Amino acid sequence: MQFTAHNDPATIRRGTLHFSTKDKTIQTPALIAYSIRGSVPHLVPDNLNLLPVDMVHVALEHFVEQNEPPSFKYTKGLHSYINLPNHLLFCDVRDASKLDPAAANTESYVAVDTHGGVRKVTTDVWIKAIEAYRPDWAATPADVIKAGEDVKNKRIRKASDRTLRWLETCQIKAKELNIPLFAPVVGYNNDMERIRSAKATAEKDVDGFVLNAFELEGEGWIDAFETSLKELPSSKPKLAYGLSTPERILKGVSIGIDMFDNSYAYEMTEKGRAITFRFGQTSLPTTKTIDLWEESMSQSFIPLDPSCTCYSCSTPHSRAYIHHLLDAHEMLGPLLLMIHNVFQLEQFMTSIRNSIDEGRFEQDMQSFLDTYSSIDDEGVALEDNPMKKKQAHVL
């Protein structure tokens, strides 16, 4: 893995990430596709191949519900196991979209909540997974403290020490297997610990770094991230969790984050919403997303977004048809929505990169925030999403 910055590091970062094993080059800032058990939600590999998606995030916690995970016994590697031979797979311990509380972490393991109950991910489990999976790159376990937890400085120091110790153990196997490694940087809300964690991690021979906004409440992640980033080398890429909304992606880009997860597409799909926002245009659409559950959609015979060139819009499938599919609980409805939403987020990132190249990112970002920040598309919690709660009609 080789990261190359294409502009002055003092400005908004723009670069490329080259993976020699697959001879693929990723333009950054970039998105990594969110997956559940290695599958991008609602999509099969044939659908994914129609989208401009090169990287997929795979969470180890989705596979370890059994004491002896079947995926560890599969000898052909993770690419074959999940049928994504041509995609770049990034393996980390936790789900990219959330930090579910489980049992407390200890000196020897990270506790994760699975369908089979709470499981302990030790460095031995991580090593077995990496040996079996052979991902294109991976991140080591991290002792992340969830935002809002009332902890003392001693607990924060322990989290930093554990994370560094696990990195040192796992790094030996990663080097042996020639798998590029991203190292987590922690420190919760303690500036001194964030500096200590970043400095110590920067001294390790790793290929990039992971920061986690799930540690921090509200907009406190911005100052905390900046504290950590000052101690990390600008020559290596940074990935962040908890910044999946468009507003947070923009703010992340503005402070030097290179990669984000695209779980926002899944979140909007689960709510029955289609992304319509734009970035970097003179005139921006006034709607951020549209709600396909609204009754008015039953009489709307235009595509989700008439200007979109994704499969769902260009075929085209009308808003009325997708409203009907959602109402009837047909699996084609979420599939078409997910294709559109993933495509739109990738177009969003392309627009961001173009804006940086043309030297107008800060102006375009402010225009976007002025237009959309007051628009609430987060009103329906995932647990209460209409697709799960609405009952089918009795005929």
Protein backbone atom coordinates (compact mmCIF):
# COMPACT_ATOMS: atom_id res chain seq x y z
CA MET A 1 0.00 0.00 0.00
CA GLN A 2 1.34 3.41 -0.96
CA PHE A 3 -0.29 6.75 -0.15
CA THR A 4 0.66 9.78 -2.23
CA ALA A 5 -0.46 13.33 -1.45
CA HIS A 6 -1.23 15.37 -4.56
CA ASN A 7 -1.26 18.79 -2.99
CA ASP A 8 0.28 20.82 -0.19
CA PRO A 9 -0.39 18.97 3.10
CA ALA A 10 -1.18 22.33 4.68
CA THR A 11 -4.26 22.58 2.45
CA ILE A 12 -7.27 20.23 2.20
CA ARG A 13 -5.79 16.76 1.57
CA ARG A 14 -6.07 15.18 -1.86
CA GLY A 15 -4.23 12.02 -2.78
CA THR A 16 -4.16 8.46 -4.05
CA LEU A 17 -3.87 5.12 -2.31
CA HIS A 18 -2.24 2.42 -4.43
CA PHE A 19 -2.62 -1.29 -3.70
CA SER A 20 0.08 -3.14 -5.58
CA THR A 21 -1.37 -6.60 -4.90
CA LYS A 22 -4.43 -5.78 -7.02
CA ASP A 23 -2.85 -2.95 -9.02
CA LYS A 24 -5.68 -0.64 -7.95
CA THR A 25 -5.43 3.07 -7.23
CA ILE A 26 -8.02 4.78 -5.03
CA GLN A 27 -8.56 8.51 -5.24
CA THR A 28 -8.90 10.15 -1.83
CA PRO A 29 -10.91 11.42 0.00
CA ALA A 30 -12.80 8.15 -0.46
CA LEU A 31 -15.55 5.95 0.93
CA ILE A 32 -15.34 2.34 2.10
CA ALA A 33 -18.58 0.41 1.54
CA TYR A 34 -20.32 -0.69 4.71
CA SER A 35 -21.14 -4.40 4.98
CA ILE A 36 -22.91 -6.82 7.29
CA ARG A 37 -21.21 -10.21 7.43
CA GLY A 38 -19.27 -9.20 4.34
CA SER A 39 -22.37 -8.35 2.29
CA VAL A 40 -23.27 -4.77 1.39
CA PRO A 41 -26.87 -4.61 2.71
CA HIS A 42 -29.64 -5.42 0.19
CA LEU A 43 -27.11 -5.99 -2.61
CA VAL A 44 -25.58 -9.11 -4.13
CA PRO A 45 -22.15 -8.99 -5.80
CA ASP A 46 -23.70 -8.54 -9.26
CA ASN A 47 -25.45 -5.38 -8.00
CA LEU A 48 -22.26 -4.13 -6.37
CA ASN A 49 -20.34 -4.60 -9.60
CA LEU A 50 -22.66 -2.03 -11.25
CA LEU A 51 -21.56 0.61 -8.75
CA PRO A 52 -18.34 2.68 -8.54
CA VAL A 53 -17.32 0.85 -5.35
CA ASP A 54 -13.78 -0.51 -4.94
CA MET A 55 -13.41 -0.95 -1.16
CA VAL A 56 -15.55 -2.91 1.32
CA HIS A 57 -15.34 -2.81 5.12
CA VAL A 58 -15.64 -6.20 6.83
CA ALA A 59 -16.21 -6.33 10.60
CA LEU A 60 -14.78 -9.29 12.47
CA GLU A 61 -17.53 -9.02 15.09
CA HIS A 62 -20.07 -10.13 12.46
CA PHE A 63 -18.30 -13.48 12.04
CA VAL A 64 -17.36 -14.61 15.55
CA GLU A 65 -20.75 -15.60 16.99
CA GLN A 66 -19.45 -19.17 17.27
CA ASN A 67 -16.42 -20.23 19.27
CA GLU A 68 -15.01 -21.81 16.11
CA PRO A 69 -16.17 -19.50 13.28
CA PRO A 70 -16.74 -21.42 10.00
CA SER A 71 -15.09 -18.58 8.07
CA PHE A 72 -11.81 -19.30 9.86
CA LYS A 73 -11.81 -22.82 8.44
CA TYR A 74 -12.35 -21.71 4.86
CA THR A 75 -9.03 -22.11 3.07
CA LYS A 76 -9.56 -19.84 0.04
CA GLY A 77 -9.62 -16.52 1.86
CA LEU A 78 -12.22 -13.86 2.54
CA HIS A 79 -12.46 -12.61 -1.07
CA SER A 80 -13.70 -16.02 -2.16
CA TYR A 81 -15.79 -16.59 1.00
CA ILE A 82 -17.94 -13.50 0.39
CA ASN A 83 -17.63 -13.65 -3.42
CA LEU A 84 -15.90 -10.29 -3.88
CA PRO A 85 -12.70 -11.37 -5.68
CA ASN A 86 -11.99 -8.00 -7.30
CA HIS A 87 -12.79 -5.64 -4.41
CA LEU A 88 -10.35 -4.33 -1.84
CA LEU A 89 -11.33 -5.73 1.56
CA PHE A 90 -10.54 -3.90 4.79
CA CYS A 91 -10.91 -5.96 7.97
CA ASP A 92 -11.46 -4.36 11.38
CA VAL A 93 -12.87 -5.72 14.63
CA ARG A 94 -15.95 -3.52 15.10
CA ASP A 95 -18.98 -2.57 13.01
CA ALA A 96 -18.22 0.66 11.15
CA SER A 97 -21.63 2.22 11.76
CA LYS A 98 -21.97 2.00 15.53
CA LEU A 99 -20.29 1.07 18.78
CA ASP A 100 -22.73 -1.25 20.56
CA PRO A 101 -22.04 -1.68 24.26
CA ALA A 102 -21.07 -5.19 25.29
CA ALA A 103 -19.21 -6.46 28.33
CA ALA A 104 -16.22 -4.45 29.52
CA ASN A 105 -12.95 -4.84 27.64
CA THR A 106 -10.05 -6.32 29.58
CA GLU A 107 -6.27 -6.50 29.27
CA SER A 108 -6.56 -9.47 26.90
CA TYR A 109 -9.67 -8.94 24.75
CA VAL A 110 -12.25 -6.64 23.16
CA ALA A 111 -15.81 -7.68 24.03
CA VAL A 112 -18.20 -7.65 21.06
CA ASP A 113 -21.95 -8.28 20.94
CA THR A 114 -22.88 -10.93 18.36
CA HIS A 115 -25.95 -13.01 17.42
CA GLY A 116 -24.43 -15.74 19.56
CA GLY A 117 -23.97 -13.50 22.59
CA VAL A 118 -20.94 -11.58 23.84
CA ARG A 119 -17.68 -12.85 22.38
CA LYS A 120 -14.07 -12.10 23.32
CA VAL A 121 -11.82 -10.96 20.47
CA THR A 122 -8.28 -11.57 21.65
CA THR A 123 -5.12 -10.94 19.65
CA ASP A 124 -5.04 -14.71 18.99
CA VAL A 125 -8.53 -14.54 17.47
CA TRP A 126 -7.48 -11.53 15.36
CA ILE A 127 -4.39 -13.39 14.12
CA LYS A 128 -6.45 -16.48 13.20
CA ALA A 129 -8.87 -14.26 11.30
CA ILE A 130 -6.15 -12.46 9.35
CA GLU A 131 -4.41 -15.75 8.52
CA ALA A 132 -7.67 -17.20 7.18
CA TYR A 133 -9.09 -14.07 5.53
CA ARG A 134 -5.99 -12.50 3.94
CA PRO A 135 -7.67 -9.08 3.52
CA ASP A 136 -6.08 -6.34 1.43
CA TRP A 137 -5.45 -4.40 4.62
CA ALA A 138 -6.55 -4.53 8.24
CA ALA A 139 -6.76 -2.62 11.52
CA THR A 140 -5.73 -3.98 14.90
CA PRO A 141 -8.10 -4.18 17.91
CA ALA A 142 -8.75 -1.00 19.87
CA ASP A 143 -10.06 -0.40 23.38
CA VAL A 144 -12.56 2.31 22.43
CA ILE A 145 -14.52 3.99 25.21
CA LYS A 146 -18.01 4.92 24.03
CA ALA A 147 -19.02 8.59 24.18
CA GLY A 148 -20.80 9.56 27.38
CA GLU A 149 -19.22 6.91 29.61
CA ASP A 150 -18.21 8.33 32.98
CA VAL A 151 -14.63 7.14 33.30
CA LYS A 152 -11.57 8.34 35.13
CA ASN A 153 -8.21 9.19 33.56
CA LYS A 154 -6.82 5.86 34.75
CA ARG A 155 -9.33 4.02 32.53
CA ILE A 156 -8.39 6.20 29.54
CA ARG A 157 -4.69 5.49 30.08
CA LYS A 158 -5.43 1.77 30.23
CA ALA A 159 -7.30 2.00 26.93
CA SER A 160 -4.30 3.64 25.25
CA ASP A 161 -1.85 1.13 26.72
CA ARG A 162 -3.97 -1.88 25.72
CA THR A 163 -4.45 -0.61 22.19
CA LEU A 164 -0.70 -0.09 21.75
CA ARG A 165 0.14 -3.49 23.23
CA TRP A 166 -2.36 -5.25 20.95
CA LEU A 167 -0.88 -3.38 17.98
CA GLU A 168 2.63 -4.61 18.78
CA THR A 169 1.41 -8.22 19.04
CA CYS A 170 -0.67 -8.17 15.85
CA GLN A 171 1.92 -6.26 13.85
CA ILE A 172 4.28 -9.25 13.88
CA LYS A 173 1.76 -11.48 12.09
CA ALA A 174 0.69 -8.73 9.67
CA LYS A 175 4.30 -8.24 8.57
CA GLU A 176 4.75 -11.99 8.20
CA LEU A 177 1.67 -12.14 5.92
CA ASN A 178 2.59 -8.88 4.14
CA ILE A 179 -0.79 -7.32 5.01
CA PRO A 180 -0.81 -3.50 5.30
CA LEU A 181 -1.85 -2.38 8.76
CA PHE A 182 -3.83 0.60 10.05
CA ALA A 183 -3.30 1.42 13.73
CA PRO A 184 -6.06 2.82 15.98
CA VAL A 185 -5.44 6.09 17.78
CA VAL A 186 -7.46 6.49 20.99
CA GLY A 187 -7.52 8.76 24.04
CA TYR A 188 -11.26 9.41 24.54
CA ASN A 189 -11.82 13.05 25.64
CA ASN A 190 -8.42 13.49 27.31
CA ASP A 191 -6.09 15.67 25.22
CA MET A 192 -2.94 14.43 26.93
CA GLU A 193 -3.88 10.80 26.29
CA ARG A 194 -4.79 11.56 22.68
CA ILE A 195 -1.35 13.11 22.18
CA ARG A 196 0.38 10.21 23.94
CA SER A 197 -1.55 7.61 21.92
CA ALA A 198 -0.89 9.42 18.62
CA LYS A 199 2.82 9.91 19.27
CA ALA A 200 3.38 6.31 20.34
CA THR A 201 1.36 4.93 17.42
CA ALA A 202 3.16 7.19 14.93
CA GLU A 203 6.44 5.57 15.96
CA LYS A 204 5.20 2.16 14.82
CA ASP A 205 5.85 0.95 11.29
CA VAL A 206 2.23 1.03 10.12
CA ASP A 207 0.58 2.08 6.86
CA GLY A 208 -2.16 4.34 8.21
CA PHE A 209 -4.29 5.30 11.20
CA VAL A 210 -7.86 4.89 12.46
CA LEU A 211 -9.70 7.48 14.54
CA ASN A 212 -13.11 6.91 16.10
CA ALA A 213 -15.69 9.66 16.62
CA PHE A 214 -17.91 7.23 18.55
CA GLU A 215 -15.63 8.10 21.49
CA LEU A 216 -16.81 11.70 21.53
CA GLU A 217 -20.09 13.50 22.10
CA GLY A 218 -21.58 16.07 19.73
CA GLU A 219 -19.05 18.09 17.77
CA GLY A 220 -16.31 17.44 20.34
CA TRP A 221 -14.72 15.01 17.88
CA ILE A 222 -13.38 17.90 15.77
CA ASP A 223 -11.04 19.34 18.42
CA ALA A 224 -10.12 15.84 19.64
CA PHE A 225 -9.27 14.65 16.13
CA GLU A 226 -7.19 17.75 15.46
CA THR A 227 -5.26 17.09 18.68
CA SER A 228 -4.45 13.56 17.46
CA LEU A 229 -3.77 14.50 13.84
CA LYS A 230 -1.10 17.06 14.80
CA GLU A 231 1.01 14.16 16.11
CA LEU A 232 0.52 11.85 13.11
CA PRO A 233 2.63 11.97 9.93
CA SER A 234 0.91 13.71 7.02
CA SER A 235 2.44 11.14 4.66
CA LYS A 236 0.11 8.38 5.82
CA PRO A 237 -3.67 8.02 5.30
CA LYS A 238 -6.27 8.40 8.03
CA LEU A 239 -9.60 6.61 8.28
CA ALA A 240 -12.39 7.71 10.63
CA TYR A 241 -15.49 6.03 12.04
CA GLY A 242 -18.58 7.93 13.15
CA LEU A 243 -18.37 10.49 10.33
CA SER A 244 -20.77 8.92 7.83
CA THR A 245 -23.24 11.81 7.39
CA PRO A 246 -22.44 14.25 4.56
CA GLU A 247 -21.90 17.12 6.99
CA ARG A 248 -19.43 15.08 9.05
CA ILE A 249 -17.64 13.81 5.96
CA LEU A 250 -17.09 17.40 4.84
CA LYS A 251 -15.82 18.46 8.25
CA GLY A 252 -13.59 15.38 8.35
CA VAL A 253 -12.12 16.20 4.96
CA SER A 254 -11.51 19.76 6.11
CA ILE A 255 -9.26 18.60 8.98
CA GLY A 256 -7.34 15.90 7.08
CA ILE A 257 -9.33 12.63 7.13
CA ASP A 258 -8.89 10.57 3.96
CA MET A 259 -11.40 7.70 4.26
CA PHE A 260 -14.91 7.26 5.63
CA ASP A 261 -17.51 4.50 5.74
CA ASN A 262 -20.67 4.82 3.63
CA SER A 263 -23.14 3.47 6.22
CA TYR A 264 -25.23 6.63 5.67
CA ALA A 265 -26.48 5.03 2.43
CA TYR A 266 -27.71 2.02 4.40
CA GLU A 267 -29.26 4.23 7.08
CA MET A 268 -31.22 6.22 4.51
CA THR A 269 -32.29 3.05 2.70
CA GLU A 270 -33.60 1.55 5.94
CA LYS A 271 -35.67 4.69 6.45
CA GLY A 272 -37.07 4.46 2.92
CA ARG A 273 -35.32 7.65 1.84
CA ALA A 274 -33.48 8.47 -1.40
CA ILE A 275 -30.49 10.83 -1.37
CA THR A 276 -30.94 13.92 -3.56
CA PHE A 277 -28.39 16.41 -2.17
CA ARG A 278 -25.54 17.73 -4.31
CA PHE A 279 -22.16 19.28 -3.62
CA GLY A 280 -20.16 21.88 -5.52
CA GLN A 281 -22.93 23.11 -7.80
CA THR A 282 -23.94 26.73 -8.28
CA SER A 283 -27.55 25.87 -7.52
CA LEU A 284 -28.16 23.08 -4.99
CA PRO A 285 -31.42 21.09 -4.74
CA THR A 286 -33.49 22.23 -1.77
CA THR A 287 -34.21 18.66 -0.65
CA LYS A 288 -31.54 16.57 1.03
CA THR A 289 -33.46 13.30 0.75
CA ILE A 290 -36.96 12.30 -0.27
CA ASP A 291 -39.23 10.00 1.74
CA LEU A 292 -40.54 7.16 -0.41
CA TRP A 293 -43.04 6.18 2.29
CA GLU A 294 -45.03 9.39 1.79
CA GLU A 295 -48.45 8.74 0.23
CA SER A 296 -47.82 11.46 -2.35
CA MET A 297 -45.10 9.23 -3.84
CA SER A 298 -47.78 6.81 -5.05
CA GLN A 299 -48.65 9.35 -7.75
CA SER A 300 -45.10 10.40 -8.68
CA PHE A 301 -44.01 8.74 -11.92
CA ILE A 302 -40.55 10.30 -12.22
CA PRO A 303 -37.25 8.63 -11.21
CA LEU A 304 -35.91 8.99 -7.68
CA ASP A 305 -33.67 11.75 -9.06
CA PRO A 306 -34.18 12.69 -12.73
CA SER A 307 -30.56 13.88 -12.99
CA CYS A 308 -29.07 10.67 -11.53
CA THR A 309 -27.46 8.10 -13.82
CA CYS A 310 -27.54 5.12 -11.45
CA TYR A 311 -29.28 1.88 -12.50
CA SER A 312 -32.39 2.61 -10.40
CA CYS A 313 -32.92 6.05 -11.96
CA SER A 314 -31.78 5.42 -15.52
CA THR A 315 -33.72 2.20 -16.14
CA PRO A 316 -35.92 3.98 -14.85
CA HIS A 317 -37.92 2.88 -11.81
CA SER A 318 -40.42 5.53 -10.73
CA ARG A 319 -40.94 6.86 -7.25
CA ALA A 320 -44.47 5.44 -7.34
CA TYR A 321 -43.17 1.97 -8.16
CA ILE A 322 -40.58 2.01 -5.36
CA HIS A 323 -43.22 3.37 -2.95
CA HIS A 324 -45.38 0.38 -3.90
CA LEU A 325 -42.47 -2.04 -3.39
CA LEU A 326 -41.78 -0.65 0.09
CA ASP A 327 -45.47 -0.73 0.99
CA ALA A 328 -45.72 -4.35 -0.15
CA HIS A 329 -42.47 -5.31 1.62
CA GLU A 330 -40.91 -6.47 -1.64
CA MET A 331 -37.15 -6.92 -1.38
CA LEU A 332 -36.66 -5.15 -4.71
CA GLY A 333 -37.61 -1.83 -3.06
CA PRO A 334 -34.66 -1.60 -0.66
CA LEU A 335 -32.37 -3.02 -3.36
CA LEU A 336 -33.21 -0.21 -5.80
CA LEU A 337 -32.95 2.40 -3.04
CA MET A 338 -29.58 1.07 -1.87
CA ILE A 339 -28.16 1.12 -5.41
CA HIS A 340 -29.24 4.74 -5.76
CA ASN A 341 -27.99 5.84 -2.32
CA VAL A 342 -24.58 4.18 -2.65
CA PHE A 343 -24.18 5.71 -6.12
CA GLN A 344 -25.17 9.16 -4.88
CA LEU A 345 -22.65 9.05 -2.01
CA GLU A 346 -19.90 8.06 -4.45
CA GLN A 347 -20.89 11.01 -6.66
CA PHE A 348 -20.74 13.21 -3.57
CA MET A 349 -17.14 12.11 -2.97
CA THR A 350 -16.24 12.69 -6.63
CA SER A 351 -17.61 16.23 -6.31
CA ILE A 352 -15.54 16.76 -3.15
CA ARG A 353 -12.36 15.66 -4.92
CA ASN A 354 -13.11 17.91 -7.90
CA SER A 355 -13.79 20.81 -5.56
CA ILE A 356 -10.43 20.31 -3.82
CA ASP A 357 -8.63 20.09 -7.17
CA GLU A 358 -10.22 23.37 -8.27
CA GLY A 359 -9.39 25.15 -5.00
CA ARG A 360 -12.96 25.91 -3.95
CA PHE A 361 -13.65 23.25 -1.31
CA GLU A 362 -14.10 25.62 1.63
CA GLN A 363 -16.54 27.79 -0.33
CA ASP A 364 -18.48 24.74 -1.56
CA MET A 365 -18.55 23.24 1.93
CA GLN A 366 -19.99 26.40 3.43
CA SER A 367 -22.63 26.56 0.68
CA PHE A 368 -23.59 22.94 1.38
CA LEU A 369 -23.83 23.50 5.13
CA ASP A 370 -25.87 26.67 4.66
CA THR A 371 -28.29 24.81 2.39
CA TYR A 372 -28.70 21.49 4.19
CA SER A 373 -27.63 21.66 7.84
CA SER A 374 -31.04 22.82 8.99
CA ILE A 375 -32.80 20.01 7.09
CA ASP A 376 -33.53 17.02 9.31
CA ASP A 377 -33.44 13.67 7.55
CA GLU A 378 -32.51 11.79 10.72
CA GLY A 379 -35.93 11.84 12.37
CA VAL A 380 -36.62 8.11 12.18
CA ALA A 381 -34.40 5.87 14.30
CA LEU A 382 -33.18 2.70 12.59
CA GLU A 383 -34.91 0.59 15.26
CA ASP A 384 -38.20 2.25 14.31
CA ASN A 385 -37.78 2.22 10.56
CA PRO A 386 -41.02 1.83 8.58
CA MET A 387 -39.87 -1.20 6.61
CA LYS A 388 -39.65 -3.23 9.80
CA LYS A 389 -42.75 -1.92 11.56
CA LYS A 390 -45.34 -1.49 8.84
CA GLN A 391 -47.58 -4.55 8.42
CA ALA A 392 -48.46 -6.06 5.07
CA HIS A 393 -52.03 -5.52 3.86
CA VAL A 394 -54.45 -8.41 4.38
CA LEU A 395 -56.16 -9.20 1.08
